[in-house]
Amino acid sequence: MSSQAISGHCNRPTVAVAVDGQNVGIRKNSNAILKFASNLGAVSIQWVYHNCRRLKPDYEARLQDQDWQFIDVAVSTKNELDRRMMTAIKKLCTSQPPDILILVTNDKDFSPLVEDVQKRGVKVIVIGRRSGMSKKLKRCLPNDIFYIEDLKQIPLVS
């Protein structure tokens, strides 16, 4: 979404959504994630980090229709995708920080990033699967962890 598109929402907080596509899939939950994010403010960024060569073309096309931007990471090492995602988020939060960052992940490796981004004044929310949520993330964000399984049940504010 361009800055012009956001300008009409200057009274609403800006929201960036970054998905760890290897850790938490969004295929069945993309609508719920977007509704949740939109309820918090004007969504300006929707990133999905994934090895796109492993995605079915119709799946990728459907999510692109919802304005998700795929960042293709041909993974050569275990944490390469995480490293690239964290680098991009740090850069974003340094140059044009959103008011709210929603991380869709269960991965404990994101805990230092969460702490760093919070120090910059950005509210961080993590969405993940109940069965695999990192204890480190739970400790970092005791009140700002949401589970994909529950998103459809969270009431939206008009």
C-alpha atoms as a PDB file:
ATOM      1  CA  MET A   1       0.000   0.000   0.000  1.00  0.00           C
ATOM      2  CA  SER A   2       1.444   3.369  -0.951  1.00  0.00           C
ATOM      3  CA  SER A   3       1.933   6.318   1.368  1.00  0.00           C
ATOM      4  CA  GLN A   4      -0.850   8.071  -0.572  1.00  0.00           C
ATOM      5  CA  ALA A   5      -3.226   5.230   0.262  1.00  0.00           C
ATOM      6  CA  ILE A   6      -2.262   5.477   3.922  1.00  0.00           C
ATOM      7  CA  SER A   7      -2.664   9.249   4.095  1.00  0.00           C
ATOM      8  CA  GLY A   8      -6.439   8.928   4.334  1.00  0.00           C
ATOM      9  CA  HIS A   9      -5.955   7.016   7.580  1.00  0.00           C
ATOM     10  CA  CYS A  10      -3.672   9.489   9.372  1.00  0.00           C
ATOM     11  CA  ASN A  11      -5.631   9.167  12.621  1.00  0.00           C
ATOM     12  CA  ARG A  12      -5.312   5.382  12.655  1.00  0.00           C
ATOM     13  CA  PRO A  13      -2.113   3.630  13.732  1.00  0.00           C
ATOM     14  CA  THR A  14      -0.022   2.124  10.947  1.00  0.00           C
ATOM     15  CA  VAL A  15       0.310  -1.651  11.032  1.00  0.00           C
ATOM     16  CA  ALA A  16       2.950  -3.844   9.409  1.00  0.00           C
ATOM     17  CA  VAL A  17       2.417  -7.610   9.178  1.00  0.00           C
ATOM     18  CA  ALA A  18       5.377  -9.942   8.635  1.00  0.00           C
ATOM     19  CA  VAL A  19       4.798 -13.683   8.266  1.00  0.00           C
ATOM     20  CA  ASP A  20       7.399 -16.390   8.821  1.00  0.00           C
ATOM     21  CA  GLY A  21       5.953 -18.642   6.131  1.00  0.00           C
ATOM     22  CA  GLN A  22       8.147 -21.591   7.047  1.00  0.00           C
ATOM     23  CA  ASN A  23       7.035 -21.516  10.641  1.00  0.00           C
ATOM     24  CA  VAL A  24       3.354 -20.550  10.451  1.00  0.00           C
ATOM     25  CA  GLY A  25       1.363 -21.019   7.274  1.00  0.00           C
ATOM     26  CA  ILE A  26      -1.212 -18.391   6.398  1.00  0.00           C
ATOM     27  CA  ARG A  27      -3.032 -20.126   3.559  1.00  0.00           C
ATOM     28  CA  LYS A  28      -6.162 -20.929   5.556  1.00  0.00           C
ATOM     29  CA  ASN A  29      -5.842 -17.962   7.895  1.00  0.00           C
ATOM     30  CA  SER A  30      -4.891 -15.010   5.710  1.00  0.00           C
ATOM     31  CA  ASN A  31      -8.353 -13.435   5.934  1.00  0.00           C
ATOM     32  CA  ALA A  32      -8.450 -13.696   9.720  1.00  0.00           C
ATOM     33  CA  ILE A  33      -4.930 -12.249  10.029  1.00  0.00           C
ATOM     34  CA  LEU A  34      -5.822  -9.308   7.778  1.00  0.00           C
ATOM     35  CA  LYS A  35      -9.091  -8.622   9.617  1.00  0.00           C
ATOM     36  CA  PHE A  36      -7.258  -8.698  12.938  1.00  0.00           C
ATOM     37  CA  ALA A  37      -4.552  -6.331  11.619  1.00  0.00           C
ATOM     38  CA  SER A  38      -7.107  -3.986  10.014  1.00  0.00           C
ATOM     39  CA  ASN A  39      -8.964  -3.808  13.306  1.00  0.00           C
ATOM     40  CA  LEU A  40      -5.815  -2.348  14.880  1.00  0.00           C
ATOM     41  CA  GLY A  41      -5.102   0.279  12.248  1.00  0.00           C
ATOM     42  CA  ALA A  42      -4.192   1.000   8.626  1.00  0.00           C
ATOM     43  CA  VAL A  43      -2.246  -1.966   7.258  1.00  0.00           C
ATOM     44  CA  SER A  44       0.681  -0.600   5.279  1.00  0.00           C
ATOM     45  CA  ILE A  45       2.853  -3.706   4.888  1.00  0.00           C
ATOM     46  CA  GLN A  46       1.940  -7.367   4.352  1.00  0.00           C
ATOM     47  CA  TRP A  47       5.085  -9.464   3.939  1.00  0.00           C
ATOM     48  CA  VAL A  48       5.240 -13.240   3.652  1.00  0.00           C
ATOM     49  CA  TYR A  49       8.733 -14.708   3.833  1.00  0.00           C
ATOM     50  CA  HIS A  50       8.759 -18.119   2.204  1.00  0.00           C
ATOM     51  CA  ASN A  51      10.569 -20.350  -0.238  1.00  0.00           C
ATOM     52  CA  CYS A  52       8.098 -19.555  -3.016  1.00  0.00           C
ATOM     53  CA  ARG A  53       9.348 -22.380  -5.216  1.00  0.00           C
ATOM     54  CA  ARG A  54       7.522 -24.689  -2.823  1.00  0.00           C
ATOM     55  CA  LEU A  55       4.187 -22.890  -3.149  1.00  0.00           C
ATOM     56  CA  LYS A  56       1.411 -23.881  -5.501  1.00  0.00           C
ATOM     57  CA  PRO A  57       0.846 -21.078  -8.045  1.00  0.00           C
ATOM     58  CA  ASP A  58      -2.873 -20.759  -7.187  1.00  0.00           C
ATOM     59  CA  TYR A  59      -2.049 -20.363  -3.484  1.00  0.00           C
ATOM     60  CA  GLU A  60       0.439 -17.593  -4.156  1.00  0.00           C
ATOM     61  CA  ALA A  61      -1.932 -15.850  -6.601  1.00  0.00           C
ATOM     62  CA  ARG A  62      -4.826 -15.906  -4.101  1.00  0.00           C
ATOM     63  CA  LEU A  63      -2.704 -14.296  -1.406  1.00  0.00           C
ATOM     64  CA  GLN A  64      -1.305 -11.727  -3.831  1.00  0.00           C
ATOM     65  CA  ASP A  65      -4.920 -10.785  -4.610  1.00  0.00           C
ATOM     66  CA  GLN A  66      -5.156  -9.838  -0.916  1.00  0.00           C
ATOM     67  CA  ASP A  67      -2.063  -7.604  -1.361  1.00  0.00           C
ATOM     68  CA  TRP A  68       0.389  -9.946   0.346  1.00  0.00           C
ATOM     69  CA  GLN A  69       3.924  -9.355  -0.880  1.00  0.00           C
ATOM     70  CA  PHE A  70       5.964 -12.555  -1.126  1.00  0.00           C
ATOM     71  CA  ILE A  71       9.642 -12.355  -0.308  1.00  0.00           C
ATOM     72  CA  ASP A  72      11.174 -15.433  -1.862  1.00  0.00           C
ATOM     73  CA  VAL A  73      14.018 -16.895   0.171  1.00  0.00           C
ATOM     74  CA  ALA A  74      15.604 -19.914  -1.456  1.00  0.00           C
ATOM     75  CA  VAL A  75      16.738 -21.354   1.838  1.00  0.00           C
ATOM     76  CA  SER A  76      20.251 -22.683   1.949  1.00  0.00           C
ATOM     77  CA  THR A  77      20.632 -22.808   5.723  1.00  0.00           C
ATOM     78  CA  LYS A  78      18.217 -23.437   8.572  1.00  0.00           C
ATOM     79  CA  ASN A  79      17.908 -19.830   9.742  1.00  0.00           C
ATOM     80  CA  GLU A  80      18.434 -17.958   6.461  1.00  0.00           C
ATOM     81  CA  LEU A  81      14.773 -17.003   6.104  1.00  0.00           C
ATOM     82  CA  ASP A  82      14.615 -15.792   9.720  1.00  0.00           C
ATOM     83  CA  ARG A  83      17.804 -13.764   9.290  1.00  0.00           C
ATOM     84  CA  ARG A  84      16.522 -12.016   6.164  1.00  0.00           C
ATOM     85  CA  MET A  85      13.141 -11.334   7.711  1.00  0.00           C
ATOM     86  CA  MET A  86      14.713  -9.877  10.866  1.00  0.00           C
ATOM     87  CA  THR A  87      17.059  -7.675   8.819  1.00  0.00           C
ATOM     88  CA  ALA A  88      14.144  -6.251   6.814  1.00  0.00           C
ATOM     89  CA  ILE A  89      12.074  -5.611   9.951  1.00  0.00           C
ATOM     90  CA  LYS A  90      14.981  -3.852  11.692  1.00  0.00           C
ATOM     91  CA  LYS A  91      15.488  -1.676   8.623  1.00  0.00           C
ATOM     92  CA  LEU A  92      11.768  -0.855   8.469  1.00  0.00           C
ATOM     93  CA  CYS A  93      11.606  -0.014  12.176  1.00  0.00           C
ATOM     94  CA  THR A  94      14.648   2.237  11.841  1.00  0.00           C
ATOM     95  CA  SER A  95      13.641   4.116   8.689  1.00  0.00           C
ATOM     96  CA  GLN A  96       9.817   4.165   8.688  1.00  0.00           C
ATOM     97  CA  PRO A  97       8.580   2.475  11.840  1.00  0.00           C
ATOM     98  CA  PRO A  98       4.967   1.376  11.935  1.00  0.00           C
ATOM     99  CA  ASP A  99       3.007   2.025  15.100  1.00  0.00           C
ATOM    100  CA  ILE A 100       2.270  -1.692  15.383  1.00  0.00           C
ATOM    101  CA  LEU A 101       4.251  -4.675  14.111  1.00  0.00           C
ATOM    102  CA  ILE A 102       2.465  -8.006  13.865  1.00  0.00           C
ATOM    103  CA  LEU A 103       4.824 -10.959  13.615  1.00  0.00           C
ATOM    104  CA  VAL A 104       3.269 -14.230  12.529  1.00  0.00           C
ATOM    105  CA  THR A 105       5.656 -16.832  13.897  1.00  0.00           C
ATOM    106  CA  ASN A 106       6.246 -19.299  16.705  1.00  0.00           C
ATOM    107  CA  ASP A 107      10.026 -19.068  16.501  1.00  0.00           C
ATOM    108  CA  LYS A 108      12.048 -18.164  19.602  1.00  0.00           C
ATOM    109  CA  ASP A 109      14.755 -16.712  17.339  1.00  0.00           C
ATOM    110  CA  PHE A 110      12.566 -13.614  16.957  1.00  0.00           C
ATOM    111  CA  SER A 111      12.679 -12.775  20.703  1.00  0.00           C
ATOM    112  CA  PRO A 112      15.711 -10.431  20.458  1.00  0.00           C
ATOM    113  CA  LEU A 113      14.069  -8.668  17.499  1.00  0.00           C
ATOM    114  CA  VAL A 114      10.857  -8.185  19.507  1.00  0.00           C
ATOM    115  CA  GLU A 115      12.820  -6.587  22.351  1.00  0.00           C
ATOM    116  CA  ASP A 116      14.780  -4.345  19.958  1.00  0.00           C
ATOM    117  CA  VAL A 117      11.669  -3.171  18.107  1.00  0.00           C
ATOM    118  CA  GLN A 118       9.843  -2.459  21.374  1.00  0.00           C
ATOM    119  CA  LYS A 119      12.764  -0.248  22.497  1.00  0.00           C
ATOM    120  CA  ARG A 120      12.139   1.811  19.345  1.00  0.00           C
ATOM    121  CA  GLY A 121       8.593   2.495  20.534  1.00  0.00           C
ATOM    122  CA  VAL A 122       6.806   0.066  18.222  1.00  0.00           C
ATOM    123  CA  LYS A 123       4.048  -2.086  19.730  1.00  0.00           C
ATOM    124  CA  VAL A 124       4.687  -5.734  18.841  1.00  0.00           C
ATOM    125  CA  ILE A 125       2.058  -8.447  18.598  1.00  0.00           C
ATOM    126  CA  VAL A 126       2.809 -12.073  17.780  1.00  0.00           C
ATOM    127  CA  ILE A 127       0.356 -14.434  16.133  1.00  0.00           C
ATOM    128  CA  GLY A 128       1.174 -18.123  16.044  1.00  0.00           C
ATOM    129  CA  ARG A 129      -0.049 -21.641  16.569  1.00  0.00           C
ATOM    130  CA  ARG A 130      -1.048 -22.529  20.104  1.00  0.00           C
ATOM    131  CA  SER A 131       0.765 -25.863  19.957  1.00  0.00           C
ATOM    132  CA  GLY A 132       4.160 -24.431  19.039  1.00  0.00           C
ATOM    133  CA  MET A 133       4.430 -20.960  20.544  1.00  0.00           C
ATOM    134  CA  SER A 134       7.889 -20.239  21.887  1.00  0.00           C
ATOM    135  CA  LYS A 135       8.164 -19.766  25.646  1.00  0.00           C
ATOM    136  CA  LYS A 136      10.671 -16.958  24.999  1.00  0.00           C
ATOM    137  CA  LEU A 137       8.113 -15.071  22.906  1.00  0.00           C
ATOM    138  CA  LYS A 138       5.477 -15.607  25.596  1.00  0.00           C
ATOM    139  CA  ARG A 139       7.842 -14.088  28.169  1.00  0.00           C
ATOM    140  CA  CYS A 140       8.615 -11.091  25.920  1.00  0.00           C
ATOM    141  CA  LEU A 141       4.950 -10.408  25.169  1.00  0.00           C
ATOM    142  CA  PRO A 142       2.800 -11.823  27.958  1.00  0.00           C
ATOM    143  CA  ASN A 143      -0.270  -9.825  26.861  1.00  0.00           C
ATOM    144  CA  ASP A 144       0.315  -9.588  23.119  1.00  0.00           C
ATOM    145  CA  ILE A 145       0.363 -13.201  21.913  1.00  0.00           C
ATOM    146  CA  PHE A 146      -2.611 -14.318  19.848  1.00  0.00           C
ATOM    147  CA  TYR A 147      -3.283 -17.751  18.412  1.00  0.00           C
ATOM    148  CA  ILE A 148      -4.337 -18.420  14.858  1.00  0.00           C
ATOM    149  CA  GLU A 149      -6.853 -20.919  16.145  1.00  0.00           C
ATOM    150  CA  ASP A 150      -8.645 -18.106  18.016  1.00  0.00           C
ATOM    151  CA  LEU A 151      -8.462 -15.261  15.505  1.00  0.00           C
ATOM    152  CA  LYS A 152     -11.814 -15.947  13.914  1.00  0.00           C
ATOM    153  CA  GLN A 153     -13.434 -15.686  17.357  1.00  0.00           C
ATOM    154  CA  ILE A 154     -11.938 -12.289  18.276  1.00  0.00           C
ATOM    155  CA  PRO A 155     -14.611  -9.592  17.922  1.00  0.00           C
ATOM    156  CA  LEU A 156     -13.770  -6.780  15.538  1.00  0.00           C
ATOM    157  CA  VAL A 157     -14.275  -3.168  16.501  1.00  0.00           C
ATOM    158  CA  SER A 158     -16.025  -1.039  13.887  1.00  0.00           C
END
